[in-house]
Structure formats: structure tokens, C-alpha cells
């Protein structure tokens, strides 16, 4: 899995954890979030923030060729490219970041 994908997953996990606790970011969590976002390209962070404002999970897995977010089957070529490259890709249907983790 590429670094960008890993960082997006970590960022989503941090945001989810904070959201479930119903609290604001603590200083260590805030520092961790800043470090994650600074290590990613600005356009990825910007897209992530836009997606987060409209859906609970902006980063989802590819499971059986299907986007875990919108449950739409990806084109065979797109799914294969995702499996082979392992980089950040965008679901053509819902616009979420999508990744393949080997399952």
C-alpha cells in the first residue's frame, strides 16, 4: 500500500475515533493530525476534507470488486489497476478514496 493511502486511512481512523468520543481533538491528536496532513499532498488533504463534510467515511476499501462506500461494482479494469498499483484512487460513482488491502 502506498504512503498516501496509508496516511489517508490513518487520518480517517483518527477523525472517526474523535467523532465517536464526541469530543474535540486533544493536543496529541491534533499534533498527529497535523503531521499526517503535512506529509500528504495538499490536493489530497483538500479532497479528503470536502469528502468528510459530506460522508462519514471518505476512505473505503474495494471488496470483491465493489466500492465499500456506495456498493457499486467498479469496472474490471479499474479494479485490476487498484489491485496492482495499490495507490490512491477515486471511485467513479461516489468520489470517495478507494483502496485495495489484499482481501
N, C-alpha and C. Protein backbone atom coordinates (compact mmCIF):
# COMPACT_ATOMS: atom_id res chain seq x y z
N UNK A 1 0.84 -1.18 0.00
CA UNK A 1 0.00 0.00 0.00
C UNK A 1 0.89 1.24 0.00
N UNK A 2 0.56 2.15 -0.83
CA UNK A 2 1.34 3.38 -0.94
C UNK A 2 1.19 4.24 0.30
N UNK A 3 2.16 5.15 0.49
CA UNK A 3 2.16 6.01 1.67
C UNK A 3 0.91 6.88 1.75
N UNK A 4 0.45 7.43 0.63
CA UNK A 4 -0.72 8.31 0.66
C UNK A 4 -1.94 7.55 1.15
N UNK A 5 -2.11 6.33 0.67
CA UNK A 5 -3.25 5.52 1.08
C UNK A 5 -3.19 5.25 2.57
N UNK A 6 -2.03 4.86 3.04
CA UNK A 6 -1.84 4.58 4.46
C UNK A 6 -2.14 5.81 5.32
N UNK A 7 -1.67 6.95 4.89
CA UNK A 7 -1.90 8.18 5.66
C UNK A 7 -3.38 8.58 5.65
N UNK A 8 -4.04 8.40 4.52
CA UNK A 8 -5.48 8.71 4.46
C UNK A 8 -6.26 7.80 5.41
N UNK A 9 -5.89 6.53 5.47
CA UNK A 9 -6.55 5.59 6.37
C UNK A 9 -6.31 6.00 7.82
N UNK A 10 -5.08 6.39 8.13
CA UNK A 10 -4.76 6.82 9.50
C UNK A 10 -5.54 8.09 9.86
N UNK A 11 -5.62 9.01 8.92
CA UNK A 11 -6.35 10.26 9.16
C UNK A 11 -7.83 9.98 9.41
N UNK A 12 -8.41 9.11 8.61
CA UNK A 12 -9.82 8.76 8.80
C UNK A 12 -10.02 8.07 10.15
N UNK A 13 -9.11 7.18 10.53
CA UNK A 13 -9.21 6.49 11.82
C UNK A 13 -9.16 7.49 12.97
N UNK A 14 -8.28 8.45 12.88
CA UNK A 14 -8.17 9.48 13.91
C UNK A 14 -9.45 10.31 13.98
N UNK A 15 -9.96 10.73 12.83
CA UNK A 15 -11.19 11.52 12.79
C UNK A 15 -12.37 10.72 13.32
N UNK A 16 -12.44 9.44 12.99
CA UNK A 16 -13.52 8.57 13.46
C UNK A 16 -13.46 8.39 14.96
N UNK A 17 -12.26 8.17 15.47
CA UNK A 17 -12.07 8.00 16.91
C UNK A 17 -12.53 9.24 17.67
N UNK A 18 -12.15 10.39 17.20
CA UNK A 18 -12.54 11.64 17.85
C UNK A 18 -14.05 11.83 17.73
N UNK A 19 -14.61 11.52 16.57
CA UNK A 19 -16.05 11.67 16.36
C UNK A 19 -16.87 10.74 17.24
N UNK A 20 -16.39 9.53 17.48
CA UNK A 20 -17.11 8.58 18.31
C UNK A 20 -17.09 8.99 19.78
N UNK A 21 -16.02 9.61 20.20
CA UNK A 21 -15.92 10.06 21.59
C UNK A 21 -16.73 11.32 21.82
N UNK A 22 -17.14 11.97 20.74
CA UNK A 22 -17.93 13.19 20.86
C UNK A 22 -17.14 14.35 21.46
N UNK A 23 -15.84 14.27 21.32
CA UNK A 23 -15.00 15.30 21.91
C UNK A 23 -14.22 16.04 20.83
N UNK A 24 -13.54 17.06 21.26
CA UNK A 24 -12.66 17.78 20.36
C UNK A 24 -11.30 17.10 20.37
N UNK A 25 -10.48 17.45 19.42
CA UNK A 25 -9.13 16.88 19.36
C UNK A 25 -8.30 17.28 20.56
N UNK A 26 -7.63 16.31 21.15
CA UNK A 26 -6.68 16.63 22.21
C UNK A 26 -5.42 17.15 21.54
N UNK A 27 -4.54 17.73 22.31
CA UNK A 27 -3.30 18.28 21.76
C UNK A 27 -2.47 17.19 21.05
N UNK A 28 -2.28 16.01 21.67
CA UNK A 28 -1.51 14.97 20.95
C UNK A 28 -2.19 14.52 19.66
N UNK A 29 -3.53 14.40 19.69
CA UNK A 29 -4.26 14.03 18.47
C UNK A 29 -4.16 15.11 17.42
N UNK A 30 -4.22 16.36 17.85
CA UNK A 30 -4.11 17.48 16.92
C UNK A 30 -2.73 17.49 16.26
N UNK A 31 -1.69 17.25 17.05
CA UNK A 31 -0.33 17.19 16.50
C UNK A 31 -0.20 16.04 15.52
N UNK A 32 -0.77 14.90 15.88
CA UNK A 32 -0.72 13.74 14.98
C UNK A 32 -1.45 14.04 13.67
N UNK A 33 -2.59 14.70 13.77
CA UNK A 33 -3.35 15.04 12.56
C UNK A 33 -2.57 16.03 11.69
N UNK A 34 -1.96 17.02 12.31
CA UNK A 34 -1.16 18.00 11.57
C UNK A 34 0.01 17.29 10.87
N UNK A 35 0.68 16.39 11.57
CA UNK A 35 1.80 15.66 10.97
C UNK A 35 1.35 14.82 9.79
N UNK A 36 0.20 14.18 9.92
CA UNK A 36 -0.33 13.37 8.82
C UNK A 36 -0.66 14.24 7.61
N UNK A 37 -1.36 15.35 7.84
CA UNK A 37 -1.77 16.18 6.72
C UNK A 37 -0.60 16.88 6.05
N UNK A 38 0.42 17.24 6.83
CA UNK A 38 1.59 17.89 6.24
C UNK A 38 2.41 16.91 5.39
N UNK A 39 2.28 15.63 5.68
CA UNK A 39 3.04 14.63 4.94
C UNK A 39 2.35 14.22 3.63
N UNK A 40 1.14 14.76 3.40
CA UNK A 40 0.39 14.41 2.19
C UNK A 40 0.31 15.60 1.25
N UNK A 41 0.13 15.34 -0.03
CA UNK A 41 -0.08 16.43 -0.97
C UNK A 41 -1.33 17.24 -0.59
N UNK A 42 -1.25 18.54 -0.76
CA UNK A 42 -2.34 19.44 -0.37
C UNK A 42 -3.66 19.09 -1.07
N UNK A 43 -3.61 18.67 -2.33
CA UNK A 43 -4.84 18.36 -3.05
C UNK A 43 -5.54 17.14 -2.46
N UNK A 44 -4.78 16.17 -1.93
CA UNK A 44 -5.39 15.01 -1.27
C UNK A 44 -6.08 15.43 0.02
N UNK A 45 -5.42 16.26 0.79
CA UNK A 45 -5.99 16.72 2.06
C UNK A 45 -7.26 17.53 1.80
N UNK A 46 -7.21 18.40 0.82
CA UNK A 46 -8.36 19.22 0.48
C UNK A 46 -9.54 18.35 0.05
N UNK A 47 -9.29 17.37 -0.79
CA UNK A 47 -10.36 16.46 -1.24
C UNK A 47 -10.89 15.65 -0.06
N UNK A 48 -10.00 15.18 0.80
CA UNK A 48 -10.41 14.42 1.98
C UNK A 48 -11.36 15.26 2.84
N UNK A 49 -10.99 16.51 3.10
CA UNK A 49 -11.81 17.38 3.94
C UNK A 49 -13.18 17.63 3.30
N UNK A 50 -13.23 17.82 2.00
CA UNK A 50 -14.52 18.00 1.31
C UNK A 50 -15.38 16.75 1.43
N UNK A 51 -14.75 15.58 1.22
CA UNK A 51 -15.50 14.33 1.32
C UNK A 51 -15.99 14.09 2.74
N UNK A 52 -15.15 14.41 3.71
CA UNK A 52 -15.51 14.20 5.11
C UNK A 52 -16.72 15.04 5.50
N UNK A 53 -16.87 16.20 4.88
CA UNK A 53 -18.01 17.06 5.20
C UNK A 53 -19.32 16.50 4.66
N UNK A 54 -19.25 15.62 3.66
CA UNK A 54 -20.49 15.10 3.09
C UNK A 54 -20.74 13.62 3.34
N UNK A 55 -19.72 12.89 3.77
CA UNK A 55 -19.93 11.47 4.07
C UNK A 55 -19.07 11.07 5.27
N UNK A 56 -19.56 10.12 6.01
CA UNK A 56 -18.89 9.71 7.24
C UNK A 56 -17.54 9.05 6.99
N UNK A 57 -17.45 8.28 5.92
CA UNK A 57 -16.20 7.57 5.60
C UNK A 57 -15.71 7.96 4.21
N UNK A 58 -14.79 8.89 4.12
CA UNK A 58 -14.29 9.30 2.81
C UNK A 58 -13.28 8.32 2.21
N UNK A 59 -12.77 7.38 3.00
CA UNK A 59 -11.78 6.41 2.53
C UNK A 59 -12.37 5.02 2.76
N UNK A 60 -12.54 4.26 1.68
CA UNK A 60 -13.17 2.94 1.77
C UNK A 60 -12.36 1.90 1.01
N UNK A 61 -12.65 0.63 1.31
CA UNK A 61 -11.94 -0.47 0.66
C UNK A 61 -12.68 -0.94 -0.59
N UNK A 62 -11.94 -1.62 -1.43
CA UNK A 62 -12.51 -2.36 -2.55
C UNK A 62 -12.69 -3.79 -2.06
N UNK A 63 -13.93 -4.26 -2.04
CA UNK A 63 -14.22 -5.61 -1.54
C UNK A 63 -14.96 -6.37 -2.63
N UNK A 64 -14.33 -7.39 -3.16
CA UNK A 64 -14.95 -8.18 -4.22
C UNK A 64 -15.25 -7.37 -5.46
N UNK A 65 -14.42 -6.36 -5.73
CA UNK A 65 -14.62 -5.52 -6.90
C UNK A 65 -15.66 -4.44 -6.70
N UNK A 66 -16.17 -4.31 -5.46
CA UNK A 66 -17.23 -3.35 -5.15
C UNK A 66 -16.71 -2.30 -4.19
N UNK A 67 -17.07 -1.04 -4.43
CA UNK A 67 -16.73 0.06 -3.52
C UNK A 67 -17.50 -0.14 -2.23
N UNK A 68 -16.81 -0.14 -1.10
CA UNK A 68 -17.44 -0.35 0.19
C UNK A 68 -18.31 0.85 0.61
N UNK A 69 -18.11 1.99 -0.03
CA UNK A 69 -18.87 3.18 0.31
C UNK A 69 -20.23 3.23 -0.36
N UNK A 70 -20.26 3.07 -1.68
CA UNK A 70 -21.51 3.21 -2.42
C UNK A 70 -22.07 1.87 -2.90
N UNK A 71 -21.31 0.81 -2.71
CA UNK A 71 -21.74 -0.55 -3.09
C UNK A 71 -21.93 -0.73 -4.60
N UNK A 72 -21.19 0.05 -5.38
CA UNK A 72 -21.24 -0.08 -6.83
C UNK A 72 -20.00 -0.82 -7.29
N UNK A 73 -20.20 -1.76 -8.20
CA UNK A 73 -19.08 -2.55 -8.73
C UNK A 73 -18.25 -1.68 -9.66
N UNK A 74 -16.94 -1.69 -9.42
CA UNK A 74 -16.02 -0.94 -10.29
C UNK A 74 -15.83 -1.70 -11.59
N UNK A 75 -15.48 -0.97 -12.62
CA UNK A 75 -15.13 -1.60 -13.89
C UNK A 75 -13.96 -2.54 -13.64
N UNK A 76 -13.94 -3.66 -14.35
CA UNK A 76 -12.89 -4.66 -14.14
C UNK A 76 -11.50 -4.06 -14.31
N UNK A 77 -11.33 -3.17 -15.26
CA UNK A 77 -10.01 -2.56 -15.49
C UNK A 77 -9.61 -1.66 -14.32
N UNK A 78 -10.57 -0.90 -13.78
CA UNK A 78 -10.28 -0.02 -12.64
C UNK A 78 -9.96 -0.84 -11.40
N UNK A 79 -10.70 -1.91 -11.16
CA UNK A 79 -10.45 -2.77 -10.00
C UNK A 79 -9.08 -3.44 -10.12
N UNK A 80 -8.74 -3.89 -11.31
CA UNK A 80 -7.43 -4.53 -11.51
C UNK A 80 -6.30 -3.53 -11.31
N UNK A 81 -6.46 -2.32 -11.81
CA UNK A 81 -5.45 -1.28 -11.64
C UNK A 81 -5.26 -0.96 -10.16
N UNK A 82 -6.34 -0.93 -9.43
CA UNK A 82 -6.29 -0.67 -7.99
C UNK A 82 -5.54 -1.79 -7.27
N UNK A 83 -5.81 -3.01 -7.64
CA UNK A 83 -5.13 -4.16 -7.02
C UNK A 83 -3.64 -4.16 -7.33
N UNK A 84 -3.27 -3.83 -8.55
CA UNK A 84 -1.87 -3.89 -8.98
C UNK A 84 -1.07 -2.70 -8.46
N UNK A 85 -1.58 -1.50 -8.63
CA UNK A 85 -0.84 -0.29 -8.27
C UNK A 85 -0.84 -0.03 -6.77
N UNK A 86 -1.94 -0.30 -6.11
CA UNK A 86 -2.03 -0.06 -4.67
C UNK A 86 -1.98 1.40 -4.28
N UNK A 87 -2.24 2.30 -5.21
CA UNK A 87 -2.17 3.73 -4.92
C UNK A 87 -3.58 4.27 -4.65
N UNK A 88 -3.64 5.51 -4.27
CA UNK A 88 -4.92 6.17 -4.02
C UNK A 88 -5.67 6.29 -5.33
N UNK A 89 -6.93 5.88 -5.31
CA UNK A 89 -7.79 6.06 -6.47
C UNK A 89 -9.12 6.59 -5.99
N UNK A 90 -9.90 7.07 -6.92
CA UNK A 90 -11.19 7.66 -6.63
C UNK A 90 -12.27 6.79 -7.26
N UNK A 91 -13.31 6.49 -6.48
CA UNK A 91 -14.45 5.74 -7.02
C UNK A 91 -15.15 6.62 -8.03
N UNK A 92 -15.38 6.10 -9.22
CA UNK A 92 -16.04 6.87 -10.27
C UNK A 92 -17.49 7.20 -9.93
N UNK A 93 -18.10 6.42 -9.06
CA UNK A 93 -19.50 6.63 -8.74
C UNK A 93 -19.72 7.61 -7.58
N UNK A 94 -19.05 7.37 -6.44
CA UNK A 94 -19.31 8.20 -5.25
C UNK A 94 -18.23 9.23 -4.96
N UNK A 95 -17.06 9.10 -5.60
CA UNK A 95 -15.99 10.08 -5.43
C UNK A 95 -15.11 9.85 -4.22
N UNK A 96 -15.38 8.79 -3.44
CA UNK A 96 -14.55 8.50 -2.27
C UNK A 96 -13.18 7.98 -2.68
N UNK A 97 -12.21 8.13 -1.77
CA UNK A 97 -10.94 7.47 -1.95
C UNK A 97 -11.17 5.98 -1.77
N UNK A 98 -10.59 5.19 -2.61
CA UNK A 98 -10.78 3.75 -2.53
C UNK A 98 -9.43 3.07 -2.60
N UNK A 99 -9.29 1.99 -1.84
CA UNK A 99 -8.02 1.25 -1.81
C UNK A 99 -8.30 -0.25 -1.75
N UNK A 100 -7.31 -1.01 -2.08
CA UNK A 100 -7.37 -2.47 -2.01
C UNK A 100 -6.36 -2.93 -0.99
N UNK A 101 -6.83 -3.71 -0.01
CA UNK A 101 -5.91 -4.15 1.05
C UNK A 101 -5.57 -5.63 1.00
N UNK A 102 -5.87 -6.28 -0.11
CA UNK A 102 -5.47 -7.67 -0.28
C UNK A 102 -6.53 -8.68 0.06
N UNK A 103 -7.68 -8.24 0.49
CA UNK A 103 -8.76 -9.19 0.81
C UNK A 103 -9.58 -9.53 -0.40
